C-alpha cells in the first residue's frame, strides 16, 4: 500500500485543527503525528488513520499564535 505521507510532512485533520508533523507511517494505514498544543509545553503525539488527514501548508489554524500590539 502506497502512503500519501512521509516522515516530516506537515498534515492536519480534514475536520480542522493544528498543523502536525508526521513522525511515523505504519503499514496498517496509521500515521503517528506530533504537534505543540501549548508554547513551552511538551509536544502531543497521536496516531491517526491516513484517511482523516490532509496535507497542510503550515498556514491556517494557529491556535497558539502570539499577537503583538
N, C-alpha and C. Protein backbone atom coordinates (compact mmCIF):
# COMPACT_ATOMS: atom_id res chain seq x y z
N UNK A 1 0.83 -1.18 0.00
CA UNK A 1 0.00 0.00 0.00
C UNK A 1 0.88 1.25 0.00
N UNK A 2 0.67 2.14 -0.93
CA UNK A 2 1.42 3.37 -1.02
C UNK A 2 0.80 4.42 -0.09
N UNK A 3 1.61 5.03 0.73
CA UNK A 3 1.12 6.04 1.67
C UNK A 3 1.30 7.43 1.07
N UNK A 4 0.31 8.31 1.25
CA UNK A 4 0.41 9.65 0.70
C UNK A 4 1.30 10.57 1.53
N UNK A 5 1.69 10.13 2.73
CA UNK A 5 2.50 10.97 3.61
C UNK A 5 3.83 10.30 3.93
N UNK A 6 4.84 11.15 4.18
CA UNK A 6 6.16 10.68 4.56
C UNK A 6 6.56 11.36 5.86
N UNK A 7 7.51 10.78 6.57
CA UNK A 7 8.02 11.38 7.79
C UNK A 7 8.49 12.80 7.49
N UNK A 8 8.06 13.73 8.34
CA UNK A 8 8.43 15.13 8.16
C UNK A 8 7.39 15.97 7.45
N UNK A 9 6.41 15.33 6.79
CA UNK A 9 5.35 16.08 6.12
C UNK A 9 4.50 16.82 7.14
N UNK A 10 3.97 17.97 6.73
CA UNK A 10 3.02 18.72 7.55
C UNK A 10 1.61 18.29 7.15
N UNK A 11 0.79 17.95 8.14
CA UNK A 11 -0.58 17.49 7.89
C UNK A 11 -1.51 18.15 8.90
N UNK A 12 -2.80 18.00 8.66
CA UNK A 12 -3.80 18.41 9.63
C UNK A 12 -5.02 17.53 9.44
N UNK A 13 -5.88 17.51 10.42
CA UNK A 13 -7.12 16.74 10.30
C UNK A 13 -7.99 17.37 9.23
N UNK A 14 -8.70 16.56 8.48
CA UNK A 14 -9.62 17.08 7.47
C UNK A 14 -10.70 17.95 8.11
N UNK A 15 -11.01 17.69 9.37
CA UNK A 15 -12.03 18.46 10.08
C UNK A 15 -11.47 19.75 10.67
N UNK A 16 -10.16 19.99 10.51
CA UNK A 16 -9.53 21.20 11.03
C UNK A 16 -8.61 20.89 12.19
N UNK A 17 -7.99 21.91 12.72
CA UNK A 17 -7.11 21.73 13.85
C UNK A 17 -5.71 22.21 13.55
N UNK A 18 -4.78 21.95 14.47
CA UNK A 18 -3.42 22.45 14.31
C UNK A 18 -2.64 21.70 13.24
N UNK A 19 -1.61 22.36 12.74
CA UNK A 19 -0.68 21.70 11.84
C UNK A 19 0.17 20.73 12.65
N UNK A 20 0.34 19.53 12.13
CA UNK A 20 1.09 18.48 12.81
C UNK A 20 2.20 17.99 11.89
N UNK A 21 3.22 17.41 12.47
CA UNK A 21 4.33 16.83 11.72
C UNK A 21 4.23 15.31 11.78
N UNK A 22 4.38 14.65 10.63
CA UNK A 22 4.34 13.19 10.57
C UNK A 22 5.62 12.64 11.19
N UNK A 23 5.47 11.83 12.24
CA UNK A 23 6.61 11.19 12.92
C UNK A 23 6.91 9.81 12.35
N UNK A 24 5.83 9.09 12.01
CA UNK A 24 5.99 7.70 11.56
C UNK A 24 4.77 7.33 10.72
N UNK A 25 4.99 6.51 9.72
CA UNK A 25 3.91 5.98 8.89
C UNK A 25 3.96 4.47 9.00
N UNK A 26 2.86 3.87 9.47
CA UNK A 26 2.81 2.42 9.65
C UNK A 26 2.13 1.74 8.47
N UNK A 27 2.49 0.51 8.23
CA UNK A 27 1.93 -0.25 7.11
C UNK A 27 0.44 -0.51 7.25
N UNK A 28 -0.08 -0.43 8.47
CA UNK A 28 -1.51 -0.69 8.69
C UNK A 28 -2.40 0.51 8.36
N UNK A 29 -1.82 1.59 7.84
CA UNK A 29 -2.61 2.75 7.45
C UNK A 29 -2.74 3.81 8.53
N UNK A 30 -1.91 3.72 9.57
CA UNK A 30 -1.95 4.75 10.60
C UNK A 30 -0.72 5.65 10.47
N UNK A 31 -0.91 6.89 10.88
CA UNK A 31 0.14 7.89 10.80
C UNK A 31 0.32 8.49 12.19
N UNK A 32 1.53 8.39 12.73
CA UNK A 32 1.84 8.98 14.03
C UNK A 32 2.22 10.43 13.81
N UNK A 33 1.51 11.35 14.49
CA UNK A 33 1.73 12.77 14.31
C UNK A 33 2.15 13.43 15.62
N UNK A 34 2.87 14.54 15.50
CA UNK A 34 3.38 15.30 16.63
C UNK A 34 3.00 16.76 16.43
N UNK A 35 2.54 17.42 17.49
CA UNK A 35 2.23 18.84 17.42
C UNK A 35 2.43 19.47 18.79
N UNK A 36 2.52 20.79 18.79
CA UNK A 36 2.75 21.54 20.02
C UNK A 36 1.48 22.31 20.37
N UNK A 37 0.66 21.78 21.30
CA UNK A 37 -0.61 22.43 21.62
C UNK A 37 -0.46 23.72 22.42
N UNK A 38 0.59 23.82 23.23
CA UNK A 38 0.81 24.99 24.07
C UNK A 38 2.28 25.36 24.02
N UNK A 39 2.60 26.62 23.68
CA UNK A 39 4.01 27.02 23.65
C UNK A 39 4.68 26.76 25.00
N UNK A 40 5.89 26.24 24.95
CA UNK A 40 6.66 25.98 26.15
C UNK A 40 6.31 24.67 26.85
N UNK A 41 5.34 23.95 26.36
CA UNK A 41 4.94 22.67 26.95
C UNK A 41 5.41 21.52 26.05
N UNK A 42 5.46 20.31 26.59
CA UNK A 42 5.86 19.17 25.76
C UNK A 42 4.89 18.96 24.59
N UNK A 43 5.40 18.40 23.50
CA UNK A 43 4.53 18.14 22.35
C UNK A 43 3.54 17.02 22.64
N UNK A 44 2.45 17.04 21.88
CA UNK A 44 1.47 15.95 21.92
C UNK A 44 1.74 15.03 20.75
N UNK A 45 1.36 13.77 20.89
CA UNK A 45 1.59 12.78 19.84
C UNK A 45 0.41 11.82 19.83
N UNK A 46 -0.02 11.44 18.63
CA UNK A 46 -1.15 10.51 18.50
C UNK A 46 -1.13 9.88 17.11
N UNK A 47 -1.69 8.69 17.02
CA UNK A 47 -1.84 8.01 15.72
C UNK A 47 -3.21 8.32 15.14
N UNK A 48 -3.25 8.53 13.83
CA UNK A 48 -4.49 8.80 13.11
C UNK A 48 -4.56 7.88 11.90
N UNK A 49 -5.77 7.52 11.50
CA UNK A 49 -5.97 6.81 10.24
C UNK A 49 -5.61 7.76 9.11
N UNK A 50 -4.94 7.25 8.09
CA UNK A 50 -4.48 8.10 6.99
C UNK A 50 -5.65 8.85 6.34
N UNK A 51 -6.83 8.27 6.34
CA UNK A 51 -7.99 8.88 5.69
C UNK A 51 -8.52 10.13 6.35
N UNK A 52 -8.16 10.39 7.61
CA UNK A 52 -8.67 11.59 8.29
C UNK A 52 -7.69 12.75 8.19
N UNK A 53 -6.56 12.55 7.50
CA UNK A 53 -5.54 13.59 7.37
C UNK A 53 -5.48 14.15 5.96
N UNK A 54 -5.02 15.40 5.88
CA UNK A 54 -4.78 16.04 4.59
C UNK A 54 -3.47 16.82 4.67
N UNK A 55 -2.82 17.06 3.54
CA UNK A 55 -1.59 17.85 3.57
C UNK A 55 -1.88 19.26 4.09
N UNK A 56 -0.92 19.84 4.76
CA UNK A 56 -1.05 21.20 5.29
C UNK A 56 0.08 22.05 4.76
N UNK A 57 -0.21 23.30 4.55
CA UNK A 57 0.83 24.24 4.11
C UNK A 57 1.55 24.85 5.30
N UNK A 58 1.06 24.54 6.50
CA UNK A 58 1.62 25.16 7.69
C UNK A 58 0.90 26.45 8.02
N UNK A 59 -0.06 26.82 7.17
CA UNK A 59 -0.86 28.03 7.39
C UNK A 59 -2.25 27.58 7.82
N UNK A 60 -3.06 28.50 8.23
CA UNK A 60 -4.43 28.15 8.61
C UNK A 60 -4.61 28.28 10.09
N UNK A 61 -5.19 27.28 10.71
CA UNK A 61 -5.50 27.34 12.13
C UNK A 61 -4.20 27.42 12.93
N UNK A 62 -4.08 28.47 13.68
CA UNK A 62 -2.91 28.65 14.55
C UNK A 62 -3.43 29.05 15.91
N UNK A 63 -3.79 28.07 16.69
CA UNK A 63 -4.40 28.34 17.99
C UNK A 63 -3.42 28.94 18.97
N UNK A 64 -2.13 28.85 18.72
CA UNK A 64 -1.13 29.34 19.67
C UNK A 64 -0.36 30.54 19.12
N UNK A 65 -0.94 31.23 18.16
CA UNK A 65 -0.25 32.37 17.57
C UNK A 65 -0.07 33.48 18.61
N UNK A 66 1.08 34.11 18.59
CA UNK A 66 1.36 35.22 19.50
C UNK A 66 1.04 36.51 18.77
N UNK A 67 0.30 37.37 19.43
CA UNK A 67 -0.06 38.66 18.82
C UNK A 67 0.66 39.76 19.57
N UNK A 68 1.26 40.67 18.82
CA UNK A 68 1.95 41.81 19.40
C UNK A 68 1.12 43.05 19.13
N UNK A 69 1.12 43.95 20.08
CA UNK A 69 0.39 45.22 19.90
C UNK A 69 1.38 46.34 19.72
